[in-house]
Amino acid sequence: MKTKKLIVEVYRGDLPKGLNFDRAVAVDCESQGLHPHRDRLCMVQLSAGDGNAHLVHFPGHDFDAPNLKAVLADKRITKIFHYARFDIGIIRQYLGVMPAPIYCTKIASRLVRTYTDRHGLKDLCKELLGIELSKEQQSSDWAAEKLSPAQIRYAAADVLHLHALKEKLDAMLAREDRVRLAESCFVFLPVRAELDLAGFEAEDLFAHV
C-alpha cells in the first residue's frame, strides 16, 4: 500500500482563496516568545485533518490576512488547538479576531488523563497515537525572512495530529462523563484569553483571598 505524501504549503502573509477546511481545522501559532504584548505573531499553521498543512508566515509586521481571518472567525468551523489559551490570545492581539468555536486538546487531556501530569502535545501524540514528535525547533527565530526545512517540518507537525487526538480524547471524555465540563471550558477560553491580554494572566479571579 502506498503512503500518502505529506504536502506542506507555506504562504507569506495570508492563505490563498478557496481553501476548504470543512467542519474542523487544526490551528497552531509560532511567535517570538510567550508575551503577546511584547512578542509578535510569526506564523499560523492550519490542517484540515487530511495529512496536509498550510503555514501562513508573517516575517514582517503586516497582519492584514483577510482570508486567514475569515477562516478563524467562521463559526461553522471548529478550531482545534493544543493550549488554545495562548494561541487565541496572540491571534486576537495581532489579527484582531477571536477564533470560535474552540476545542483544546490540552484541556481535554487534563480532564481525562488525571493519571499523569504530562499533557504536552509530544506526550499526547506518543501515548494516544504512538507518534514521536521532535521539539528541537520549538525555540527558534520564527520571524526569519526564510524558514529552514526543519522549522517547516516542526510547524507542520504541530497541527497534523490534532484531529486524531480530538477523536481519542472525545472518546475518553464520554467514557468519564466529562463532555459537558470540557465544552464549558472551551466556551470560557476566549474570556480567559481576553483576561490575559488585559493583564490578569497571573490572577485566579475565583480564588478566596
N, C-alpha and C. Protein backbone atom coordinates (compact mmCIF):
# COMPACT_ATOMS: atom_id res chain seq x y z
N MET A 1 0.84 -1.19 0.00
CA MET A 1 0.00 0.00 0.00
C MET A 1 0.88 1.24 0.00
N LYS A 2 0.56 2.22 -0.85
CA LYS A 2 1.34 3.44 -0.94
C LYS A 2 1.01 4.36 0.23
N THR A 3 2.06 5.01 0.77
CA THR A 3 1.87 6.00 1.81
C THR A 3 1.61 7.35 1.17
N LYS A 4 0.56 8.03 1.62
CA LYS A 4 0.24 9.33 1.06
C LYS A 4 1.33 10.33 1.36
N LYS A 5 1.75 11.07 0.36
CA LYS A 5 2.81 12.06 0.53
C LYS A 5 2.29 13.28 1.26
N LEU A 6 3.03 13.70 2.29
CA LEU A 6 2.67 14.88 3.04
C LEU A 6 2.90 16.12 2.18
N ILE A 7 1.92 17.00 2.15
CA ILE A 7 2.05 18.27 1.44
C ILE A 7 2.02 19.40 2.46
N VAL A 8 3.07 20.21 2.49
CA VAL A 8 3.13 21.38 3.36
C VAL A 8 3.29 22.61 2.48
N GLU A 9 2.31 23.49 2.54
CA GLU A 9 2.35 24.73 1.76
C GLU A 9 2.70 25.88 2.70
N VAL A 10 3.62 26.73 2.29
CA VAL A 10 4.00 27.90 3.08
C VAL A 10 3.60 29.15 2.29
N TYR A 11 2.81 30.00 2.93
CA TYR A 11 2.33 31.23 2.29
C TYR A 11 2.85 32.43 3.08
N ARG A 12 3.08 33.51 2.37
CA ARG A 12 3.54 34.73 3.02
C ARG A 12 2.36 35.68 3.24
N GLY A 13 2.01 35.90 4.48
CA GLY A 13 1.05 36.93 4.83
C GLY A 13 -0.41 36.58 4.80
N ASP A 14 -0.83 35.50 4.12
CA ASP A 14 -2.24 35.14 4.10
C ASP A 14 -2.43 33.80 3.42
N LEU A 15 -3.59 33.18 3.67
CA LEU A 15 -3.99 31.99 2.94
C LEU A 15 -4.46 32.38 1.54
N PRO A 16 -4.32 31.49 0.57
CA PRO A 16 -4.96 31.75 -0.73
C PRO A 16 -6.46 31.58 -0.61
N LYS A 17 -7.20 32.15 -1.53
CA LYS A 17 -8.64 31.98 -1.54
C LYS A 17 -9.01 30.55 -1.94
N GLY A 18 -10.15 30.09 -1.45
CA GLY A 18 -10.70 28.83 -1.93
C GLY A 18 -10.31 27.59 -1.16
N LEU A 19 -9.51 27.71 -0.10
CA LEU A 19 -9.18 26.53 0.70
C LEU A 19 -10.40 26.11 1.52
N ASN A 20 -10.64 24.81 1.59
CA ASN A 20 -11.80 24.29 2.31
C ASN A 20 -11.34 23.48 3.52
N PHE A 21 -11.75 23.90 4.71
CA PHE A 21 -11.39 23.19 5.93
C PHE A 21 -12.57 22.44 6.53
N ASP A 22 -13.66 22.35 5.79
CA ASP A 22 -14.83 21.58 6.18
C ASP A 22 -15.34 22.02 7.55
N ARG A 23 -15.56 21.09 8.47
CA ARG A 23 -16.19 21.43 9.75
C ARG A 23 -15.20 21.64 10.88
N ALA A 24 -13.94 21.26 10.69
CA ALA A 24 -12.95 21.40 11.76
C ALA A 24 -11.57 21.65 11.16
N VAL A 25 -10.83 22.57 11.76
CA VAL A 25 -9.48 22.86 11.31
C VAL A 25 -8.56 22.90 12.52
N ALA A 26 -7.42 22.22 12.41
CA ALA A 26 -6.40 22.27 13.46
C ALA A 26 -5.59 23.55 13.28
N VAL A 27 -5.31 24.24 14.38
CA VAL A 27 -4.63 25.53 14.32
C VAL A 27 -3.53 25.59 15.39
N ASP A 28 -2.40 26.19 15.02
CA ASP A 28 -1.32 26.43 15.97
C ASP A 28 -0.63 27.72 15.57
N CYS A 29 0.12 28.29 16.50
CA CYS A 29 0.83 29.54 16.22
C CYS A 29 2.29 29.43 16.65
N GLU A 30 3.14 30.17 15.97
CA GLU A 30 4.52 30.37 16.40
C GLU A 30 4.73 31.86 16.59
N SER A 31 5.48 32.22 17.62
CA SER A 31 5.71 33.63 17.93
C SER A 31 7.14 33.82 18.38
N GLN A 32 7.50 35.07 18.67
CA GLN A 32 8.85 35.38 19.13
C GLN A 32 9.03 35.09 20.61
N GLY A 33 7.98 34.76 21.30
CA GLY A 33 8.05 34.46 22.72
C GLY A 33 6.66 34.24 23.27
N LEU A 34 6.53 34.26 24.58
CA LEU A 34 5.27 33.90 25.22
C LEU A 34 4.51 35.09 25.81
N HIS A 35 4.91 36.32 25.45
CA HIS A 35 4.24 37.52 25.94
C HIS A 35 3.64 38.27 24.76
N PRO A 36 2.33 38.12 24.53
CA PRO A 36 1.71 38.68 23.32
C PRO A 36 1.90 40.18 23.12
N HIS A 37 2.00 40.95 24.20
CA HIS A 37 2.20 42.40 24.02
C HIS A 37 3.62 42.72 23.59
N ARG A 38 4.56 41.85 23.89
CA ARG A 38 5.96 42.07 23.53
C ARG A 38 6.39 41.24 22.34
N ASP A 39 5.95 39.99 22.29
CA ASP A 39 6.46 39.01 21.32
C ASP A 39 5.41 38.77 20.23
N ARG A 40 5.71 39.21 19.03
CA ARG A 40 4.69 39.21 17.99
C ARG A 40 4.45 37.84 17.37
N LEU A 41 3.30 37.73 16.75
CA LEU A 41 2.92 36.54 15.99
C LEU A 41 3.79 36.42 14.75
N CYS A 42 4.28 35.21 14.49
CA CYS A 42 5.14 34.98 13.32
C CYS A 42 4.55 33.98 12.33
N MET A 43 3.71 33.08 12.80
CA MET A 43 3.15 32.07 11.91
C MET A 43 1.86 31.50 12.47
N VAL A 44 0.94 31.19 11.56
CA VAL A 44 -0.26 30.43 11.92
C VAL A 44 -0.29 29.20 11.02
N GLN A 45 -0.38 28.02 11.64
CA GLN A 45 -0.43 26.76 10.90
C GLN A 45 -1.85 26.19 10.96
N LEU A 46 -2.28 25.59 9.85
CA LEU A 46 -3.62 25.00 9.79
C LEU A 46 -3.56 23.66 9.07
N SER A 47 -4.48 22.77 9.46
CA SER A 47 -4.63 21.49 8.77
C SER A 47 -6.10 21.08 8.83
N ALA A 48 -6.59 20.55 7.71
CA ALA A 48 -7.97 20.07 7.66
C ALA A 48 -8.09 18.64 8.18
N GLY A 49 -6.99 18.07 8.65
CA GLY A 49 -7.02 16.68 9.12
C GLY A 49 -6.83 15.69 8.00
N ASP A 50 -6.38 16.19 6.85
CA ASP A 50 -6.20 15.34 5.67
C ASP A 50 -4.74 14.95 5.45
N GLY A 51 -3.88 15.22 6.44
CA GLY A 51 -2.46 14.90 6.30
C GLY A 51 -1.65 16.00 5.66
N ASN A 52 -2.29 17.12 5.33
CA ASN A 52 -1.59 18.25 4.73
C ASN A 52 -1.62 19.45 5.68
N ALA A 53 -0.64 20.33 5.54
CA ALA A 53 -0.55 21.50 6.41
C ALA A 53 -0.38 22.77 5.58
N HIS A 54 -0.99 23.85 6.07
CA HIS A 54 -0.91 25.15 5.41
C HIS A 54 -0.32 26.14 6.42
N LEU A 55 0.83 26.70 6.10
CA LEU A 55 1.56 27.56 7.02
C LEU A 55 1.54 29.00 6.50
N VAL A 56 1.00 29.91 7.31
CA VAL A 56 0.97 31.33 6.94
C VAL A 56 2.07 32.03 7.73
N HIS A 57 3.09 32.50 7.03
CA HIS A 57 4.27 33.08 7.65
C HIS A 57 4.17 34.60 7.64
N PHE A 58 4.47 35.22 8.79
CA PHE A 58 4.49 36.68 8.91
C PHE A 58 5.91 37.14 9.28
N PRO A 59 6.81 37.22 8.31
CA PRO A 59 8.17 37.67 8.64
C PRO A 59 8.23 39.15 8.97
N GLY A 60 7.22 39.90 8.52
CA GLY A 60 7.16 41.33 8.81
C GLY A 60 6.02 41.65 9.75
N HIS A 61 5.54 42.87 9.69
CA HIS A 61 4.51 43.33 10.63
C HIS A 61 3.18 43.59 9.94
N ASP A 62 2.95 43.00 8.79
CA ASP A 62 1.69 43.16 8.07
C ASP A 62 0.78 41.99 8.42
N PHE A 63 -0.29 42.27 9.17
CA PHE A 63 -1.21 41.23 9.63
C PHE A 63 -2.60 41.40 9.01
N ASP A 64 -2.66 41.89 7.78
CA ASP A 64 -3.95 42.11 7.12
C ASP A 64 -4.69 40.78 6.95
N ALA A 65 -4.16 39.86 6.20
CA ALA A 65 -4.58 38.45 6.12
C ALA A 65 -6.09 38.22 6.11
N PRO A 66 -6.84 38.79 5.17
CA PRO A 66 -8.30 38.64 5.20
C PRO A 66 -8.79 37.20 5.05
N ASN A 67 -8.11 36.39 4.25
CA ASN A 67 -8.57 35.00 4.05
C ASN A 67 -8.35 34.16 5.30
N LEU A 68 -7.22 34.34 5.95
CA LEU A 68 -6.95 33.63 7.21
C LEU A 68 -7.93 34.06 8.28
N LYS A 69 -8.17 35.35 8.39
CA LYS A 69 -9.10 35.85 9.41
C LYS A 69 -10.51 35.30 9.19
N ALA A 70 -10.90 35.17 7.93
CA ALA A 70 -12.24 34.65 7.63
C ALA A 70 -12.39 33.21 8.12
N VAL A 71 -11.35 32.40 7.94
CA VAL A 71 -11.40 31.01 8.41
C VAL A 71 -11.47 30.98 9.94
N LEU A 72 -10.63 31.77 10.59
CA LEU A 72 -10.57 31.76 12.06
C LEU A 72 -11.86 32.27 12.69
N ALA A 73 -12.55 33.17 12.01
CA ALA A 73 -13.78 33.75 12.55
C ALA A 73 -15.03 32.99 12.14
N ASP A 74 -14.91 32.02 11.25
CA ASP A 74 -16.06 31.28 10.73
C ASP A 74 -16.63 30.36 11.81
N LYS A 75 -17.80 30.66 12.31
CA LYS A 75 -18.39 29.90 13.41
C LYS A 75 -18.91 28.53 12.98
N ARG A 76 -18.86 28.25 11.69
CA ARG A 76 -19.25 26.92 11.20
C ARG A 76 -18.09 25.93 11.32
N ILE A 77 -16.89 26.43 11.58
CA ILE A 77 -15.69 25.59 11.61
C ILE A 77 -15.15 25.55 13.03
N THR A 78 -15.06 24.36 13.62
CA THR A 78 -14.42 24.21 14.93
C THR A 78 -12.91 24.31 14.77
N LYS A 79 -12.28 25.12 15.63
CA LYS A 79 -10.83 25.26 15.61
C LYS A 79 -10.23 24.41 16.71
N ILE A 80 -9.39 23.47 16.34
CA ILE A 80 -8.77 22.55 17.30
C ILE A 80 -7.37 23.06 17.61
N PHE A 81 -7.12 23.36 18.87
CA PHE A 81 -5.83 23.84 19.34
C PHE A 81 -5.24 22.88 20.37
N HIS A 82 -3.95 23.01 20.59
CA HIS A 82 -3.34 22.44 21.80
C HIS A 82 -2.81 23.62 22.60
N TYR A 83 -3.36 23.83 23.77
CA TYR A 83 -3.16 25.02 24.61
C TYR A 83 -3.71 26.24 23.88
N ALA A 84 -5.02 26.22 23.69
CA ALA A 84 -5.72 27.29 22.99
C ALA A 84 -5.58 28.64 23.69
N ARG A 85 -5.45 28.64 24.99
CA ARG A 85 -5.38 29.89 25.76
C ARG A 85 -4.33 30.84 25.18
N PHE A 86 -3.15 30.33 24.88
CA PHE A 86 -2.10 31.19 24.32
C PHE A 86 -2.39 31.55 22.87
N ASP A 87 -2.73 30.54 22.07
CA ASP A 87 -2.89 30.77 20.63
C ASP A 87 -4.00 31.76 20.31
N ILE A 88 -5.16 31.61 20.95
CA ILE A 88 -6.24 32.53 20.63
C ILE A 88 -5.95 33.94 21.14
N GLY A 89 -5.15 34.03 22.20
CA GLY A 89 -4.78 35.35 22.71
C GLY A 89 -3.88 36.10 21.73
N ILE A 90 -2.88 35.41 21.21
CA ILE A 90 -1.97 36.09 20.29
C ILE A 90 -2.62 36.33 18.93
N ILE A 91 -3.56 35.45 18.54
CA ILE A 91 -4.34 35.71 17.33
C ILE A 91 -5.20 36.95 17.52
N ARG A 92 -5.83 37.07 18.67
CA ARG A 92 -6.65 38.26 18.97
C ARG A 92 -5.79 39.51 18.97
N GLN A 93 -4.60 39.43 19.52
CA GLN A 93 -3.73 40.59 19.64
C GLN A 93 -3.26 41.10 18.28
N TYR A 94 -2.92 40.18 17.37
CA TYR A 94 -2.29 40.60 16.12
C TYR A 94 -3.21 40.53 14.90
N LEU A 95 -4.15 39.61 14.90
CA LEU A 95 -5.05 39.50 13.75
C LEU A 95 -6.41 40.16 14.02
N GLY A 96 -6.68 40.46 15.29
CA GLY A 96 -7.90 41.18 15.62
C GLY A 96 -9.17 40.35 15.57
N VAL A 97 -9.05 39.03 15.53
CA VAL A 97 -10.23 38.16 15.55
C VAL A 97 -10.09 37.17 16.71
N MET A 98 -11.23 36.74 17.23
CA MET A 98 -11.22 35.72 18.28
C MET A 98 -11.81 34.44 17.69
N PRO A 99 -10.99 33.42 17.51
CA PRO A 99 -11.49 32.16 16.93
C PRO A 99 -12.62 31.56 17.76
N ALA A 100 -13.59 30.99 17.08
CA ALA A 100 -14.71 30.30 17.73
C ALA A 100 -15.45 29.49 16.67
N PRO A 101 -16.03 28.36 17.07
CA PRO A 101 -15.88 27.67 18.35
C PRO A 101 -14.51 27.02 18.49
N ILE A 102 -14.17 26.64 19.71
CA ILE A 102 -12.82 26.17 20.04
C ILE A 102 -12.88 24.79 20.69
N TYR A 103 -11.85 23.99 20.39
CA TYR A 103 -11.60 22.73 21.09
C TYR A 103 -10.13 22.75 21.49
N CYS A 104 -9.83 22.44 22.74
CA CYS A 104 -8.44 22.45 23.21
C CYS A 104 -8.05 21.05 23.69
N THR A 105 -7.08 20.44 23.01
CA THR A 105 -6.66 19.08 23.38
C THR A 105 -5.95 19.06 24.74
N LYS A 106 -5.33 20.17 25.13
CA LYS A 106 -4.66 20.20 26.44
C LYS A 106 -5.68 20.18 27.57
N ILE A 107 -6.74 20.96 27.45
CA ILE A 107 -7.79 20.96 28.46
C ILE A 107 -8.47 19.59 28.51
N ALA A 108 -8.79 19.04 27.35
CA ALA A 108 -9.41 17.71 27.31
C ALA A 108 -8.52 16.68 27.99
N SER A 109 -7.22 16.76 27.72
CA SER A 109 -6.28 15.83 28.33
C SER A 109 -6.27 15.97 29.85
N ARG A 110 -6.26 17.20 30.33
CA ARG A 110 -6.23 17.42 31.78
C ARG A 110 -7.51 16.93 32.46
N LEU A 111 -8.60 16.92 31.74
CA LEU A 111 -9.86 16.45 32.31
C LEU A 111 -9.95 14.93 32.37
N VAL A 112 -9.27 14.23 31.47
CA VAL A 112 -9.43 12.77 31.43
C VAL A 112 -8.15 11.99 31.72
N ARG A 113 -6.99 12.59 31.49
CA ARG A 113 -5.72 11.88 31.77
C ARG A 113 -5.22 12.31 33.15
N THR A 114 -6.06 12.12 34.15
CA THR A 114 -5.72 12.55 35.51
C THR A 114 -4.69 11.65 36.16
N TYR A 115 -4.31 10.59 35.48
CA TYR A 115 -3.29 9.66 35.99
C TYR A 115 -1.88 10.16 35.69
N THR A 116 -1.74 11.32 35.04
CA THR A 116 -0.43 11.85 34.70
C THR A 116 -0.46 13.37 34.75
N ASP A 117 0.72 13.96 34.90
CA ASP A 117 0.82 15.43 34.81
C ASP A 117 1.50 15.84 33.51
N ARG A 118 1.61 14.93 32.56
CA ARG A 118 2.26 15.20 31.29
C ARG A 118 1.18 15.40 30.20
N HIS A 119 0.93 16.66 29.89
CA HIS A 119 -0.15 16.98 28.97
C HIS A 119 0.35 17.76 27.75
N GLY A 120 1.65 17.71 27.50
CA GLY A 120 2.19 18.36 26.32
C GLY A 120 1.78 17.63 25.05
N LEU A 121 1.87 18.32 23.91
CA LEU A 121 1.49 17.71 22.64
C LEU A 121 2.35 16.48 22.35
N LYS A 122 3.63 16.57 22.66
CA LYS A 122 4.52 15.43 22.44
C LYS A 122 4.07 14.22 23.24
N ASP A 123 3.67 14.45 24.50
CA ASP A 123 3.23 13.36 25.38
C ASP A 123 1.93 12.74 24.87
N LEU A 124 0.99 13.59 24.43
CA LEU A 124 -0.29 13.08 23.92
C LEU A 124 -0.09 12.25 22.66
N CYS A 125 0.72 12.76 21.74
CA CYS A 125 0.94 12.03 20.49
C CYS A 125 1.59 10.67 20.75
N LYS A 126 2.51 10.63 21.69
CA LYS A 126 3.21 9.37 21.99
C LYS A 126 2.26 8.35 22.61
N GLU A 127 1.47 8.78 23.61
CA GLU A 127 0.62 7.82 24.31
C GLU A 127 -0.62 7.43 23.49
N LEU A 128 -1.30 8.41 22.91
CA LEU A 128 -2.58 8.13 22.28
C LEU A 128 -2.47 7.71 20.82
N LEU A 129 -1.40 8.16 20.14
CA LEU A 129 -1.27 7.87 18.71
C LEU A 129 -0.03 7.04 18.36
N GLY A 130 0.87 6.86 19.32
CA GLY A 130 2.10 6.13 19.04
C GLY A 130 3.03 6.87 18.10
N ILE A 131 2.97 8.21 18.13
CA ILE A 131 3.78 9.05 17.24
C ILE A 131 4.78 9.85 18.08
N GLU A 132 6.03 9.82 17.68
CA GLU A 132 7.08 10.58 18.35
C GLU A 132 7.27 11.92 17.63
N LEU A 133 7.09 13.03 18.38
CA LEU A 133 7.30 14.35 17.82
C LEU A 133 8.64 14.91 18.28
N SER A 134 9.32 15.59 17.39
CA SER A 134 10.55 16.29 17.76
C SER A 134 10.21 17.73 18.12
N LYS A 135 10.75 18.20 19.25
CA LYS A 135 10.54 19.58 19.67
C LYS A 135 11.82 20.41 19.53
N GLU A 136 12.72 19.95 18.69
CA GLU A 136 14.04 20.59 18.56
C GLU A 136 13.94 22.04 18.08
N GLN A 137 12.94 22.34 17.23
CA GLN A 137 12.84 23.68 16.66
C GLN A 137 11.88 24.59 17.45
N GLN A 138 11.46 24.15 18.62
CA GLN A 138 10.48 24.92 19.38
C GLN A 138 10.96 26.34 19.66
N SER A 139 12.21 26.46 20.05
CA SER A 139 12.80 27.78 20.31
C SER A 139 13.73 28.14 19.16
N SER A 140 13.17 28.80 18.16
CA SER A 140 13.97 29.25 17.02
C SER A 140 13.39 30.55 16.50
N ASP A 141 14.06 31.19 15.57
CA ASP A 141 13.65 32.50 15.09
C ASP A 141 12.58 32.36 14.02
N TRP A 142 11.33 32.46 14.45
CA TRP A 142 10.21 32.29 13.52
C TRP A 142 9.95 33.54 12.69
N ALA A 143 10.59 34.65 13.04
CA ALA A 143 10.44 35.88 12.27
C ALA A 143 11.48 35.98 11.15
N ALA A 144 12.32 34.97 11.00
CA ALA A 144 13.34 34.98 9.95
C ALA A 144 12.69 35.14 8.58
N GLU A 145 13.35 35.81 7.69
CA GLU A 145 12.81 36.04 6.35
C GLU A 145 12.57 34.72 5.62
N LYS A 146 13.45 33.75 5.82
CA LYS A 146 13.32 32.44 5.20
C LYS A 146 13.38 31.36 6.27
N LEU A 147 12.38 30.52 6.30
CA LEU A 147 12.33 29.44 7.28
C LEU A 147 13.15 28.25 6.80
N SER A 148 13.76 27.54 7.73
CA SER A 148 14.54 26.36 7.39
C SER A 148 13.60 25.17 7.17
N PRO A 149 14.05 24.16 6.43
CA PRO A 149 13.23 22.94 6.28
C PRO A 149 12.86 22.32 7.63
N ALA A 150 13.78 22.39 8.61
CA ALA A 150 13.49 21.83 9.94
C ALA A 150 12.37 22.61 10.62
N GLN A 151 12.37 23.93 10.49
CA GLN A 151 11.30 24.74 11.07
C GLN A 151 9.96 24.41 10.42
N ILE A 152 9.96 24.26 9.12
CA ILE A 152 8.73 23.96 8.40
C ILE A 152 8.16 22.61 8.82
N ARG A 153 9.03 21.61 8.94
CA ARG A 153 8.58 20.28 9.39
C ARG A 153 8.00 20.35 10.80
N TYR A 154 8.68 21.07 11.68
CA TYR A 154 8.23 21.20 13.07
C TYR A 154 6.86 21.88 13.13
N ALA A 155 6.72 23.00 12.41
CA ALA A 155 5.47 23.76 12.43
C ALA A 155 4.31 22.92 11.90
N ALA A 156 4.56 22.16 10.84
CA ALA A 156 3.51 21.31 10.26
C ALA A 156 3.09 20.22 11.25
N ALA A 157 4.06 19.62 11.93
CA ALA A 157 3.77 18.52 12.86
C ALA A 157 2.85 18.95 13.99
N ASP A 158 2.89 20.23 14.34
CA ASP A 158 2.07 20.72 15.45
C ASP A 158 0.57 20.74 15.14
N VAL A 159 0.19 20.63 13.86
CA VAL A 159 -1.24 20.60 13.52
C VAL A 159 -1.69 19.31 12.85
N LEU A 160 -0.76 18.50 12.39
CA LEU A 160 -1.13 17.32 11.60
C LEU A 160 -1.87 16.26 12.40
N HIS A 161 -1.69 16.23 13.72
CA HIS A 161 -2.24 15.14 14.53
C HIS A 161 -3.39 15.57 15.44
N LEU A 162 -3.79 16.84 15.39
CA LEU A 162 -4.80 17.33 16.33
C LEU A 162 -6.18 16.73 16.10
N HIS A 163 -6.56 16.48 14.86
CA HIS A 163 -7.86 15.84 14.60
C HIS A 163 -7.90 14.44 15.22
N ALA A 164 -6.82 13.68 15.05
CA ALA A 164 -6.78 12.32 15.60
C ALA A 164 -6.78 12.35 17.12
N LEU A 165 -6.08 13.32 17.71
CA LEU A 165 -6.08 13.44 19.16
C LEU A 165 -7.47 13.80 19.67
N LYS A 166 -8.14 14.70 18.98
CA LYS A 166 -9.52 15.06 19.38
C LYS A 166 -10.42 13.83 19.40
N GLU A 167 -10.32 12.99 18.40
CA GLU A 167 -11.15 11.79 18.34
C GLU A 167 -10.89 10.88 19.54
N LYS A 168 -9.61 10.69 19.88
CA LYS A 168 -9.26 9.85 21.04
C LYS A 168 -9.76 10.48 22.34
N LEU A 169 -9.54 11.78 22.48
CA LEU A 169 -9.92 12.46 23.71
C LEU A 169 -11.44 12.56 23.86
N ASP A 170 -12.14 12.72 22.75
CA ASP A 170 -13.60 12.74 22.81
C ASP A 170 -14.14 11.43 23.38
N ALA A 171 -13.56 10.33 22.97
CA ALA A 171 -13.98 9.03 23.49
C ALA A 171 -13.72 8.92 24.98
N MET A 172 -12.59 9.45 25.43
CA MET A 172 -12.26 9.41 26.85
C MET A 172 -13.16 10.35 27.65
N LEU A 173 -13.48 11.52 27.11
CA LEU A 173 -14.39 12.44 27.79
C LEU A 173 -15.77 11.81 27.96
N ALA A 174 -16.25 11.13 26.92
CA ALA A 174 -17.54 10.46 27.01
C ALA A 174 -17.50 9.33 28.04
N ARG A 175 -16.42 8.57 28.04
CA ARG A 175 -16.27 7.46 28.98
C ARG A 175 -16.31 7.94 30.43
N GLU A 176 -15.68 9.11 30.70
CA GLU A 176 -15.61 9.63 32.06
C GLU A 176 -16.75 10.60 32.37
N ASP A 177 -17.70 10.75 31.46
CA ASP A 177 -18.86 11.63 31.64
C ASP A 177 -18.42 13.07 31.93
N ARG A 178 -17.44 13.55 31.12
CA ARG A 178 -16.93 14.91 31.32
C ARG A 178 -17.04 15.76 30.05
N VAL A 179 -17.90 15.36 29.15
CA VAL A 179 -18.08 16.13 27.91
C VAL A 179 -18.61 17.52 28.22
N ARG A 180 -19.61 17.61 29.08
CA ARG A 180 -20.19 18.92 29.40
C ARG A 180 -19.17 19.84 30.05
N LEU A 181 -18.36 19.30 30.95
CA LEU A 181 -17.32 20.10 31.58
C LEU A 181 -16.33 20.62 30.54
N ALA A 182 -15.92 19.76 29.62
CA ALA A 182 -14.98 20.17 28.59
C ALA A 182 -15.58 21.27 27.72
N GLU A 183 -16.82 21.09 27.29
CA GLU A 183 -17.46 22.08 26.43
C GLU A 183 -17.58 23.42 27.14
N SER A 184 -17.87 23.39 28.43
CA SER A 184 -17.97 24.63 29.20
C SER A 184 -16.61 25.33 29.29
N CYS A 185 -15.55 24.56 29.46
CA CYS A 185 -14.20 25.13 29.48
C CYS A 185 -13.86 25.76 28.14
N PHE A 186 -14.21 25.09 27.05
CA PHE A 186 -13.91 25.62 25.72
C PHE A 186 -14.64 26.94 25.47
N VAL A 187 -15.89 27.02 25.92
CA VAL A 187 -16.66 28.25 25.74
C VAL A 187 -16.04 29.41 26.53
N PHE A 188 -15.45 29.11 27.69
CA PHE A 188 -14.85 30.13 28.54
C PHE A 188 -13.49 30.61 28.02
N LEU A 189 -12.84 29.83 27.18
CA LEU A 189 -11.47 30.15 26.75
C LEU A 189 -11.30 31.55 26.17
N PRO A 190 -12.18 32.05 25.30
CA PRO A 190 -11.99 33.42 24.82
C PRO A 190 -11.97 34.46 25.94
N VAL A 191 -12.80 34.25 26.98
CA VAL A 191 -12.80 35.16 28.12
C VAL A 191 -11.46 35.08 28.85
N ARG A 192 -10.95 33.85 29.02
CA ARG A 192 -9.67 33.68 29.69
C ARG A 192 -8.54 34.37 28.91
N ALA A 193 -8.59 34.27 27.60
CA ALA A 193 -7.57 34.91 26.76
C ALA A 193 -7.68 36.43 26.85
N GLU A 194 -8.90 36.95 26.86
CA GLU A 194 -9.09 38.40 26.99
C GLU A 194 -8.58 38.89 28.36
N LEU A 195 -8.81 38.10 29.40
CA LEU A 195 -8.27 38.46 30.72
C LEU A 195 -6.75 38.49 30.70
N ASP A 196 -6.13 37.53 30.03
CA ASP A 196 -4.67 37.53 29.90
C ASP A 196 -4.19 38.80 29.24
N LEU A 197 -4.82 39.17 28.13
CA LEU A 197 -4.41 40.36 27.39
C LEU A 197 -4.65 41.64 28.19
N ALA A 198 -5.62 41.59 29.11
CA ALA A 198 -5.92 42.76 29.94
C ALA A 198 -5.02 42.85 31.17
N GLY A 199 -4.12 41.88 31.35
CA GLY A 199 -3.17 41.95 32.46
C GLY A 199 -3.51 41.09 33.65
N PHE A 200 -4.51 40.23 33.53
CA PHE A 200 -4.93 39.38 34.65
C PHE A 200 -4.45 37.93 34.49
N GLU A 201 -3.36 37.72 33.72
CA GLU A 201 -2.93 36.35 33.41
C GLU A 201 -2.48 35.57 34.64
N ALA A 202 -1.99 36.24 35.68
CA ALA A 202 -1.45 35.53 36.84
C ALA A 202 -2.45 35.44 37.99
N GLU A 203 -3.65 35.97 37.78
CA GLU A 203 -4.62 36.02 38.87
C GLU A 203 -5.75 35.01 38.67
N ASP A 204 -6.13 34.36 39.76
CA ASP A 204 -7.32 33.49 39.77
C ASP A 204 -8.47 34.31 40.33
N LEU A 205 -9.34 34.78 39.46
CA LEU A 205 -10.43 35.64 39.90
C LEU A 205 -11.45 34.90 40.77
N PHE A 206 -11.38 33.59 40.79
CA PHE A 206 -12.31 32.79 41.58
C PHE A 206 -11.74 32.43 42.96
N ALA A 207 -10.48 32.81 43.19
CA ALA A 207 -9.83 32.46 44.46
C ALA A 207 -10.40 33.31 45.60
N HIS A 208 -10.45 32.70 46.80
CA HIS A 208 -10.87 33.42 48.00
C HIS A 208 -9.62 33.99 48.65
N VAL A 209 -9.52 35.33 48.63
CA VAL A 209 -8.31 35.98 49.17
C VAL A 209 -8.72 36.84 50.36
